[in-house]
Amino acid sequence: MATTHDLFVGILASATLSASGETVQSDVVEDMLNRLDSDGDLDSQIERSLLTKKKKAGDFGMEIVGSLLIPVLIEASKGLWAAYLKKISEKAGAQLAELTYAQVAKLVNWLWTGEERSQAEIDFDRLLRVAGSRHGLSPEQVEALVIAVRSPEMKAAIDAQVEK
């Protein structure tokens, strides 16, 4: 079942990948989001992709999950979720656990365009640097993600998520 947590994490990761020009990886995350109900949460899907390189029908691009940016962005997005859960809960109210994709995308948009934007960017920057280091990204790869997070393309990518 798709949880608000997984939707938030996936939407933010996908938007960041899109903003940084990593469209194939963004498409992989989108595919994972579409498969939450049938294939389990994001962690389960990533873990399975790391354990096996065998593809089955419908596993669009899953072989690249372990070797590139997706695990870094999932980890950093989880950190941002945890850091902002109280504020997100206040915004979403009692329905937090039952939000739809569109509603979660609006929460991400609210976080990235509202008064929290500057602090959210700073926090996500820090989380990306920690996750990138832990997963062995080069400083150049991490910096490209950080630049993307603060770019107009990030806002456009989040807007595109809201419009889905």
N, C-alpha and C. Protein backbone atom coordinates (compact mmCIF):
# COMPACT_ATOMS: atom_id res chain seq x y z
N MET A 1 0.83 -1.18 0.00
CA MET A 1 0.00 0.00 0.00
C MET A 1 0.88 1.25 0.00
N ALA A 2 0.51 2.21 -0.78
CA ALA A 2 1.26 3.46 -0.86
C ALA A 2 1.04 4.27 0.41
N THR A 3 2.14 4.59 1.10
CA THR A 3 2.05 5.41 2.30
C THR A 3 2.40 6.85 1.97
N THR A 4 1.94 7.75 2.80
CA THR A 4 2.27 9.16 2.62
C THR A 4 3.79 9.34 2.66
N HIS A 5 4.45 8.63 3.55
CA HIS A 5 5.91 8.70 3.67
C HIS A 5 6.58 8.31 2.36
N ASP A 6 6.20 7.16 1.79
CA ASP A 6 6.81 6.72 0.53
C ASP A 6 6.51 7.69 -0.60
N LEU A 7 5.29 8.19 -0.65
CA LEU A 7 4.94 9.15 -1.70
C LEU A 7 5.78 10.42 -1.58
N PHE A 8 5.91 10.96 -0.37
CA PHE A 8 6.72 12.16 -0.16
C PHE A 8 8.16 11.92 -0.58
N VAL A 9 8.73 10.83 -0.10
CA VAL A 9 10.13 10.49 -0.40
C VAL A 9 10.32 10.31 -1.91
N GLY A 10 9.42 9.56 -2.54
CA GLY A 10 9.54 9.30 -3.98
C GLY A 10 9.35 10.54 -4.82
N ILE A 11 8.37 11.37 -4.47
CA ILE A 11 8.11 12.59 -5.23
C ILE A 11 9.31 13.53 -5.14
N LEU A 12 9.86 13.70 -3.93
CA LEU A 12 11.02 14.58 -3.76
C LEU A 12 12.24 14.02 -4.49
N ALA A 13 12.47 12.73 -4.39
CA ALA A 13 13.61 12.11 -5.09
C ALA A 13 13.45 12.25 -6.60
N SER A 14 12.27 11.98 -7.11
CA SER A 14 12.02 12.08 -8.55
C SER A 14 12.20 13.51 -9.05
N ALA A 15 11.67 14.47 -8.30
CA ALA A 15 11.81 15.88 -8.70
C ALA A 15 13.27 16.31 -8.71
N THR A 16 14.04 15.87 -7.71
CA THR A 16 15.46 16.23 -7.66
C THR A 16 16.22 15.62 -8.84
N LEU A 17 15.93 14.36 -9.14
CA LEU A 17 16.58 13.71 -10.29
C LEU A 17 16.21 14.42 -11.59
N SER A 18 14.95 14.76 -11.73
CA SER A 18 14.51 15.48 -12.93
C SER A 18 15.20 16.83 -13.04
N ALA A 19 15.25 17.57 -11.93
CA ALA A 19 15.88 18.89 -11.93
C ALA A 19 17.37 18.82 -12.24
N SER A 20 18.00 17.71 -11.90
CA SER A 20 19.43 17.57 -12.17
C SER A 20 19.72 16.96 -13.54
N GLY A 21 18.66 16.74 -14.33
CA GLY A 21 18.84 16.20 -15.68
C GLY A 21 18.92 14.70 -15.74
N GLU A 22 18.69 14.02 -14.64
CA GLU A 22 18.76 12.56 -14.58
C GLU A 22 17.38 11.97 -14.87
N THR A 23 16.92 12.14 -16.11
CA THR A 23 15.54 11.76 -16.44
C THR A 23 15.30 10.26 -16.38
N VAL A 24 16.28 9.46 -16.75
CA VAL A 24 16.09 8.01 -16.70
C VAL A 24 15.89 7.57 -15.25
N GLN A 25 16.74 8.06 -14.36
CA GLN A 25 16.59 7.69 -12.95
C GLN A 25 15.30 8.25 -12.36
N SER A 26 14.90 9.44 -12.79
CA SER A 26 13.63 10.00 -12.35
C SER A 26 12.48 9.09 -12.79
N ASP A 27 12.56 8.60 -14.03
CA ASP A 27 11.54 7.67 -14.54
C ASP A 27 11.50 6.37 -13.74
N VAL A 28 12.67 5.91 -13.29
CA VAL A 28 12.72 4.69 -12.47
C VAL A 28 11.98 4.93 -11.16
N VAL A 29 12.24 6.07 -10.52
CA VAL A 29 11.54 6.37 -9.26
C VAL A 29 10.04 6.49 -9.51
N GLU A 30 9.66 7.11 -10.60
CA GLU A 30 8.23 7.21 -10.93
C GLU A 30 7.62 5.82 -11.09
N ASP A 31 8.34 4.93 -11.74
CA ASP A 31 7.87 3.55 -11.90
C ASP A 31 7.72 2.88 -10.54
N MET A 32 8.68 3.12 -9.66
CA MET A 32 8.60 2.56 -8.31
C MET A 32 7.37 3.10 -7.57
N LEU A 33 7.10 4.38 -7.72
CA LEU A 33 5.92 4.97 -7.09
C LEU A 33 4.64 4.34 -7.63
N ASN A 34 4.62 4.11 -8.94
CA ASN A 34 3.43 3.49 -9.55
C ASN A 34 3.22 2.07 -9.08
N ARG A 35 4.29 1.44 -8.61
CA ARG A 35 4.21 0.03 -8.21
C ARG A 35 4.15 -0.16 -6.69
N LEU A 36 3.93 0.90 -5.93
CA LEU A 36 3.90 0.78 -4.48
C LEU A 36 2.85 -0.22 -4.01
N ASP A 37 1.68 -0.19 -4.61
CA ASP A 37 0.61 -1.10 -4.18
C ASP A 37 0.88 -2.55 -4.54
N SER A 38 1.57 -2.78 -5.65
CA SER A 38 1.78 -4.17 -6.09
C SER A 38 3.13 -4.75 -5.66
N ASP A 39 4.15 -3.91 -5.56
CA ASP A 39 5.51 -4.41 -5.31
C ASP A 39 6.09 -4.01 -3.95
N GLY A 40 5.32 -3.39 -3.10
CA GLY A 40 5.82 -3.03 -1.78
C GLY A 40 6.39 -1.63 -1.72
N ASP A 41 6.81 -1.24 -0.53
CA ASP A 41 7.31 0.11 -0.31
C ASP A 41 8.64 0.33 -1.05
N LEU A 42 9.07 1.58 -1.05
CA LEU A 42 10.31 1.93 -1.76
C LEU A 42 11.50 1.15 -1.24
N ASP A 43 11.60 1.00 0.08
CA ASP A 43 12.73 0.25 0.64
C ASP A 43 12.76 -1.18 0.14
N SER A 44 11.61 -1.82 0.10
CA SER A 44 11.53 -3.21 -0.39
C SER A 44 11.94 -3.30 -1.85
N GLN A 45 11.47 -2.36 -2.65
CA GLN A 45 11.81 -2.38 -4.07
C GLN A 45 13.31 -2.16 -4.28
N ILE A 46 13.89 -1.25 -3.54
CA ILE A 46 15.33 -0.99 -3.67
C ILE A 46 16.12 -2.19 -3.17
N GLU A 47 15.72 -2.74 -2.04
CA GLU A 47 16.43 -3.91 -1.50
C GLU A 47 16.41 -5.07 -2.49
N ARG A 48 15.25 -5.33 -3.09
CA ARG A 48 15.17 -6.41 -4.08
C ARG A 48 16.08 -6.13 -5.27
N SER A 49 16.14 -4.89 -5.69
CA SER A 49 16.98 -4.56 -6.85
C SER A 49 18.46 -4.73 -6.51
N LEU A 50 18.82 -4.51 -5.25
CA LEU A 50 20.21 -4.68 -4.85
C LEU A 50 20.59 -6.14 -4.70
N LEU A 51 19.61 -6.98 -4.34
CA LEU A 51 19.88 -8.39 -4.12
C LEU A 51 19.96 -9.20 -5.41
N THR A 52 19.30 -8.72 -6.44
CA THR A 52 19.29 -9.48 -7.69
C THR A 52 19.43 -8.55 -8.87
N LYS A 53 20.10 -9.00 -9.84
CA LYS A 53 20.22 -8.24 -11.08
C LYS A 53 19.25 -8.78 -12.13
N LYS A 54 18.51 -9.83 -11.78
CA LYS A 54 17.55 -10.41 -12.72
C LYS A 54 16.37 -9.49 -12.88
N LYS A 55 16.01 -9.24 -14.11
CA LYS A 55 14.85 -8.42 -14.38
C LYS A 55 13.66 -9.30 -14.69
N LYS A 56 12.51 -8.84 -14.27
CA LYS A 56 11.28 -9.50 -14.66
C LYS A 56 10.46 -8.50 -15.45
N ALA A 57 9.45 -8.99 -16.13
CA ALA A 57 8.61 -8.12 -16.94
C ALA A 57 8.10 -6.96 -16.10
N GLY A 58 8.24 -5.76 -16.61
CA GLY A 58 7.75 -4.58 -15.92
C GLY A 58 8.76 -3.92 -15.00
N ASP A 59 9.95 -4.48 -14.84
CA ASP A 59 10.95 -3.90 -13.97
C ASP A 59 11.76 -2.84 -14.73
N PHE A 60 11.13 -1.79 -15.11
CA PHE A 60 11.76 -0.74 -15.89
C PHE A 60 12.95 -0.15 -15.16
N GLY A 61 14.13 -0.42 -15.67
CA GLY A 61 15.33 0.23 -15.18
C GLY A 61 15.77 -0.13 -13.78
N MET A 62 15.21 -1.15 -13.18
CA MET A 62 15.54 -1.47 -11.79
C MET A 62 17.01 -1.86 -11.61
N GLU A 63 17.68 -2.28 -12.66
CA GLU A 63 19.07 -2.69 -12.52
C GLU A 63 19.97 -1.51 -12.18
N ILE A 64 19.52 -0.28 -12.41
CA ILE A 64 20.38 0.87 -12.12
C ILE A 64 20.16 1.44 -10.73
N VAL A 65 19.19 0.93 -9.99
CA VAL A 65 18.86 1.52 -8.70
C VAL A 65 20.04 1.52 -7.75
N GLY A 66 20.70 0.41 -7.60
CA GLY A 66 21.75 0.30 -6.60
C GLY A 66 23.01 1.05 -6.92
N SER A 67 23.26 1.29 -8.19
CA SER A 67 24.57 1.81 -8.56
C SER A 67 24.61 3.32 -8.75
N LEU A 68 23.46 3.99 -8.67
CA LEU A 68 23.50 5.41 -8.98
C LEU A 68 22.91 6.27 -7.87
N LEU A 69 22.16 7.24 -8.23
CA LEU A 69 21.73 8.29 -7.31
C LEU A 69 20.47 7.98 -6.51
N ILE A 70 19.68 7.03 -6.95
CA ILE A 70 18.39 6.79 -6.31
C ILE A 70 18.52 6.49 -4.82
N PRO A 71 19.38 5.57 -4.39
CA PRO A 71 19.46 5.32 -2.94
C PRO A 71 19.88 6.56 -2.14
N VAL A 72 20.72 7.40 -2.70
CA VAL A 72 21.14 8.62 -2.03
C VAL A 72 19.95 9.55 -1.84
N LEU A 73 19.17 9.72 -2.90
CA LEU A 73 18.03 10.63 -2.82
C LEU A 73 16.92 10.08 -1.93
N ILE A 74 16.74 8.78 -1.94
CA ILE A 74 15.74 8.18 -1.06
C ILE A 74 16.15 8.43 0.40
N GLU A 75 17.41 8.19 0.72
CA GLU A 75 17.89 8.41 2.09
C GLU A 75 17.75 9.87 2.50
N ALA A 76 18.18 10.78 1.66
CA ALA A 76 18.10 12.21 1.98
C ALA A 76 16.64 12.67 2.10
N SER A 77 15.79 12.17 1.23
CA SER A 77 14.36 12.53 1.28
C SER A 77 13.71 12.02 2.55
N LYS A 78 14.10 10.83 3.00
CA LYS A 78 13.59 10.30 4.27
C LYS A 78 14.01 11.21 5.43
N GLY A 79 15.24 11.69 5.36
CA GLY A 79 15.71 12.59 6.40
C GLY A 79 14.92 13.87 6.43
N LEU A 80 14.59 14.41 5.26
CA LEU A 80 13.80 15.63 5.20
C LEU A 80 12.39 15.37 5.72
N TRP A 81 11.81 14.22 5.36
CA TRP A 81 10.49 13.85 5.88
C TRP A 81 10.53 13.86 7.41
N ALA A 82 11.53 13.21 7.99
CA ALA A 82 11.62 13.13 9.44
C ALA A 82 11.79 14.52 10.07
N ALA A 83 12.59 15.35 9.43
CA ALA A 83 12.85 16.69 9.97
C ALA A 83 11.61 17.58 9.92
N TYR A 84 10.77 17.37 8.94
CA TYR A 84 9.61 18.25 8.73
C TYR A 84 8.28 17.58 9.04
N LEU A 85 8.30 16.40 9.62
CA LEU A 85 7.07 15.66 9.86
C LEU A 85 6.07 16.45 10.68
N LYS A 86 6.53 17.14 11.71
CA LYS A 86 5.60 17.91 12.54
C LYS A 86 4.92 19.00 11.73
N LYS A 87 5.69 19.75 10.95
CA LYS A 87 5.10 20.82 10.14
C LYS A 87 4.19 20.25 9.05
N ILE A 88 4.61 19.14 8.47
CA ILE A 88 3.78 18.49 7.44
C ILE A 88 2.49 17.99 8.06
N SER A 89 2.59 17.44 9.26
CA SER A 89 1.40 16.94 9.96
C SER A 89 0.44 18.08 10.25
N GLU A 90 0.97 19.22 10.65
CA GLU A 90 0.12 20.38 10.91
C GLU A 90 -0.58 20.83 9.64
N LYS A 91 0.12 20.79 8.53
CA LYS A 91 -0.46 21.22 7.25
C LYS A 91 -1.50 20.22 6.76
N ALA A 92 -1.22 18.93 6.91
CA ALA A 92 -2.11 17.90 6.38
C ALA A 92 -3.23 17.52 7.34
N GLY A 93 -3.03 17.78 8.61
CA GLY A 93 -4.05 17.44 9.59
C GLY A 93 -4.11 15.95 9.86
N ALA A 94 -5.25 15.53 10.35
CA ALA A 94 -5.43 14.13 10.78
C ALA A 94 -5.39 13.15 9.61
N GLN A 95 -5.54 13.62 8.40
CA GLN A 95 -5.57 12.75 7.24
C GLN A 95 -4.20 12.39 6.70
N LEU A 96 -3.14 12.71 7.41
CA LEU A 96 -1.79 12.52 6.91
C LEU A 96 -1.54 11.11 6.37
N ALA A 97 -2.02 10.11 7.05
CA ALA A 97 -1.75 8.72 6.65
C ALA A 97 -2.52 8.32 5.40
N GLU A 98 -3.52 9.08 5.01
CA GLU A 98 -4.39 8.67 3.91
C GLU A 98 -4.34 9.61 2.71
N LEU A 99 -3.31 10.38 2.58
CA LEU A 99 -3.23 11.34 1.49
C LEU A 99 -3.00 10.65 0.14
N THR A 100 -3.54 11.24 -0.90
CA THR A 100 -3.33 10.74 -2.25
C THR A 100 -2.01 11.28 -2.79
N TYR A 101 -1.61 10.74 -3.93
CA TYR A 101 -0.39 11.21 -4.61
C TYR A 101 -0.46 12.72 -4.83
N ALA A 102 -1.58 13.19 -5.36
CA ALA A 102 -1.74 14.62 -5.66
C ALA A 102 -1.63 15.47 -4.40
N GLN A 103 -2.19 15.00 -3.31
CA GLN A 103 -2.13 15.76 -2.07
C GLN A 103 -0.71 15.78 -1.50
N VAL A 104 0.00 14.67 -1.60
CA VAL A 104 1.39 14.64 -1.14
C VAL A 104 2.25 15.54 -2.02
N ALA A 105 2.01 15.52 -3.32
CA ALA A 105 2.76 16.41 -4.23
C ALA A 105 2.53 17.87 -3.85
N LYS A 106 1.32 18.20 -3.44
CA LYS A 106 1.04 19.57 -2.99
C LYS A 106 1.78 19.90 -1.70
N LEU A 107 1.94 18.90 -0.82
CA LEU A 107 2.72 19.13 0.40
C LEU A 107 4.19 19.40 0.06
N VAL A 108 4.74 18.62 -0.86
CA VAL A 108 6.13 18.85 -1.29
C VAL A 108 6.23 20.26 -1.90
N ASN A 109 5.26 20.62 -2.71
CA ASN A 109 5.25 21.94 -3.33
C ASN A 109 5.17 23.03 -2.26
N TRP A 110 4.32 22.83 -1.27
CA TRP A 110 4.20 23.79 -0.16
C TRP A 110 5.54 23.96 0.55
N LEU A 111 6.21 22.84 0.81
CA LEU A 111 7.50 22.88 1.49
C LEU A 111 8.54 23.61 0.66
N TRP A 112 8.49 23.42 -0.66
CA TRP A 112 9.52 23.97 -1.53
C TRP A 112 9.22 25.38 -2.01
N THR A 113 8.02 25.89 -1.78
CA THR A 113 7.69 27.22 -2.27
C THR A 113 7.27 28.18 -1.16
N GLY A 114 6.95 27.65 -0.01
CA GLY A 114 6.46 28.49 1.08
C GLY A 114 7.59 29.06 1.92
N GLU A 115 7.21 29.49 3.09
CA GLU A 115 8.17 30.13 4.00
C GLU A 115 9.25 29.17 4.48
N GLU A 116 9.02 27.88 4.34
CA GLU A 116 9.99 26.87 4.76
C GLU A 116 11.07 26.62 3.71
N ARG A 117 10.91 27.17 2.51
CA ARG A 117 11.77 26.82 1.39
C ARG A 117 13.26 26.95 1.70
N SER A 118 13.68 28.08 2.19
CA SER A 118 15.10 28.31 2.42
C SER A 118 15.68 27.29 3.39
N GLN A 119 14.98 27.07 4.50
CA GLN A 119 15.46 26.11 5.48
C GLN A 119 15.38 24.69 4.94
N ALA A 120 14.34 24.36 4.17
CA ALA A 120 14.21 23.02 3.58
C ALA A 120 15.36 22.76 2.62
N GLU A 121 15.74 23.76 1.82
CA GLU A 121 16.87 23.60 0.91
C GLU A 121 18.17 23.37 1.68
N ILE A 122 18.38 24.13 2.76
CA ILE A 122 19.58 23.97 3.57
C ILE A 122 19.61 22.57 4.18
N ASP A 123 18.48 22.15 4.72
CA ASP A 123 18.41 20.82 5.35
C ASP A 123 18.62 19.71 4.33
N PHE A 124 17.98 19.84 3.16
CA PHE A 124 18.11 18.80 2.14
C PHE A 124 19.54 18.78 1.59
N ASP A 125 20.15 19.94 1.45
CA ASP A 125 21.55 20.04 1.03
C ASP A 125 22.43 19.22 1.98
N ARG A 126 22.27 19.44 3.29
CA ARG A 126 23.06 18.71 4.29
C ARG A 126 22.80 17.21 4.20
N LEU A 127 21.53 16.83 4.09
CA LEU A 127 21.18 15.41 4.01
C LEU A 127 21.73 14.76 2.74
N LEU A 128 21.72 15.49 1.63
CA LEU A 128 22.28 14.96 0.38
C LEU A 128 23.78 14.74 0.51
N ARG A 129 24.46 15.66 1.16
CA ARG A 129 25.92 15.53 1.33
C ARG A 129 26.26 14.31 2.19
N VAL A 130 25.51 14.12 3.26
CA VAL A 130 25.76 12.97 4.14
C VAL A 130 25.45 11.67 3.41
N ALA A 131 24.29 11.60 2.76
CA ALA A 131 23.90 10.37 2.05
C ALA A 131 24.84 10.11 0.88
N GLY A 132 25.20 11.16 0.16
CA GLY A 132 26.12 10.99 -0.97
C GLY A 132 27.46 10.43 -0.53
N SER A 133 27.98 10.94 0.56
CA SER A 133 29.24 10.44 1.09
C SER A 133 29.11 8.98 1.52
N ARG A 134 28.01 8.66 2.20
CA ARG A 134 27.80 7.30 2.68
C ARG A 134 27.69 6.30 1.51
N HIS A 135 27.13 6.75 0.40
CA HIS A 135 26.93 5.87 -0.75
C HIS A 135 28.05 5.97 -1.79
N GLY A 136 29.09 6.74 -1.48
CA GLY A 136 30.26 6.78 -2.35
C GLY A 136 30.15 7.67 -3.58
N LEU A 137 29.26 8.66 -3.56
CA LEU A 137 29.21 9.58 -4.69
C LEU A 137 30.43 10.49 -4.66
N SER A 138 30.84 10.91 -5.83
CA SER A 138 31.95 11.86 -5.90
C SER A 138 31.44 13.23 -5.45
N PRO A 139 32.35 14.10 -5.01
CA PRO A 139 31.93 15.46 -4.64
C PRO A 139 31.21 16.18 -5.78
N GLU A 140 31.63 15.90 -7.02
CA GLU A 140 30.99 16.53 -8.18
C GLU A 140 29.54 16.05 -8.33
N GLN A 141 29.30 14.77 -8.10
CA GLN A 141 27.93 14.25 -8.19
C GLN A 141 27.05 14.86 -7.11
N VAL A 142 27.58 14.95 -5.90
CA VAL A 142 26.80 15.54 -4.81
C VAL A 142 26.51 17.01 -5.11
N GLU A 143 27.52 17.73 -5.56
CA GLU A 143 27.34 19.15 -5.85
C GLU A 143 26.31 19.37 -6.96
N ALA A 144 26.28 18.50 -7.95
CA ALA A 144 25.28 18.61 -9.01
C ALA A 144 23.86 18.47 -8.44
N LEU A 145 23.68 17.56 -7.48
CA LEU A 145 22.37 17.40 -6.85
C LEU A 145 22.01 18.63 -6.02
N VAL A 146 22.97 19.14 -5.27
CA VAL A 146 22.73 20.31 -4.43
C VAL A 146 22.35 21.52 -5.30
N ILE A 147 23.05 21.71 -6.39
CA ILE A 147 22.73 22.81 -7.31
C ILE A 147 21.33 22.62 -7.88
N ALA A 148 20.98 21.39 -8.23
CA ALA A 148 19.66 21.10 -8.79
C ALA A 148 18.55 21.43 -7.79
N VAL A 149 18.77 21.12 -6.52
CA VAL A 149 17.76 21.36 -5.49
C VAL A 149 17.42 22.84 -5.39
N ARG A 150 18.40 23.69 -5.64
CA ARG A 150 18.20 25.14 -5.51
C ARG A 150 17.87 25.82 -6.85
N SER A 151 17.66 25.03 -7.87
CA SER A 151 17.47 25.58 -9.21
C SER A 151 15.99 25.80 -9.55
N PRO A 152 15.74 26.63 -10.56
CA PRO A 152 14.36 26.80 -11.05
C PRO A 152 13.80 25.48 -11.60
N GLU A 153 14.68 24.60 -12.07
CA GLU A 153 14.23 23.31 -12.58
C GLU A 153 13.60 22.45 -11.47
N MET A 154 14.06 22.64 -10.24
CA MET A 154 13.48 21.90 -9.11
C MET A 154 12.03 22.32 -8.92
N LYS A 155 11.79 23.61 -8.93
CA LYS A 155 10.42 24.12 -8.80
C LYS A 155 9.55 23.60 -9.94
N ALA A 156 10.09 23.61 -11.15
CA ALA A 156 9.33 23.10 -12.30
C ALA A 156 9.05 21.61 -12.17
N ALA A 157 10.02 20.85 -11.66
CA ALA A 157 9.83 19.41 -11.48
C ALA A 157 8.78 19.12 -10.41
N ILE A 158 8.78 19.90 -9.35
CA ILE A 158 7.75 19.73 -8.31
C ILE A 158 6.39 20.14 -8.85
N ASP A 159 6.34 21.23 -9.61
CA ASP A 159 5.07 21.62 -10.24
C ASP A 159 4.53 20.52 -11.12
N ALA A 160 5.43 19.85 -11.86
CA ALA A 160 5.00 18.75 -12.73
C ALA A 160 4.42 17.60 -11.91
N GLN A 161 4.96 17.36 -10.73
CA GLN A 161 4.42 16.31 -9.85
C GLN A 161 3.02 16.68 -9.40
N VAL A 162 2.79 17.95 -9.10
CA VAL A 162 1.47 18.40 -8.65
C VAL A 162 0.44 18.24 -9.76
N GLU A 163 0.87 18.44 -10.99
CA GLU A 163 -0.04 18.37 -12.13
C GLU A 163 -0.40 16.96 -12.56
N LYS A 164 0.26 15.94 -12.03
CA LYS A 164 -0.03 14.55 -12.43
C LYS A 164 -1.38 14.11 -11.95
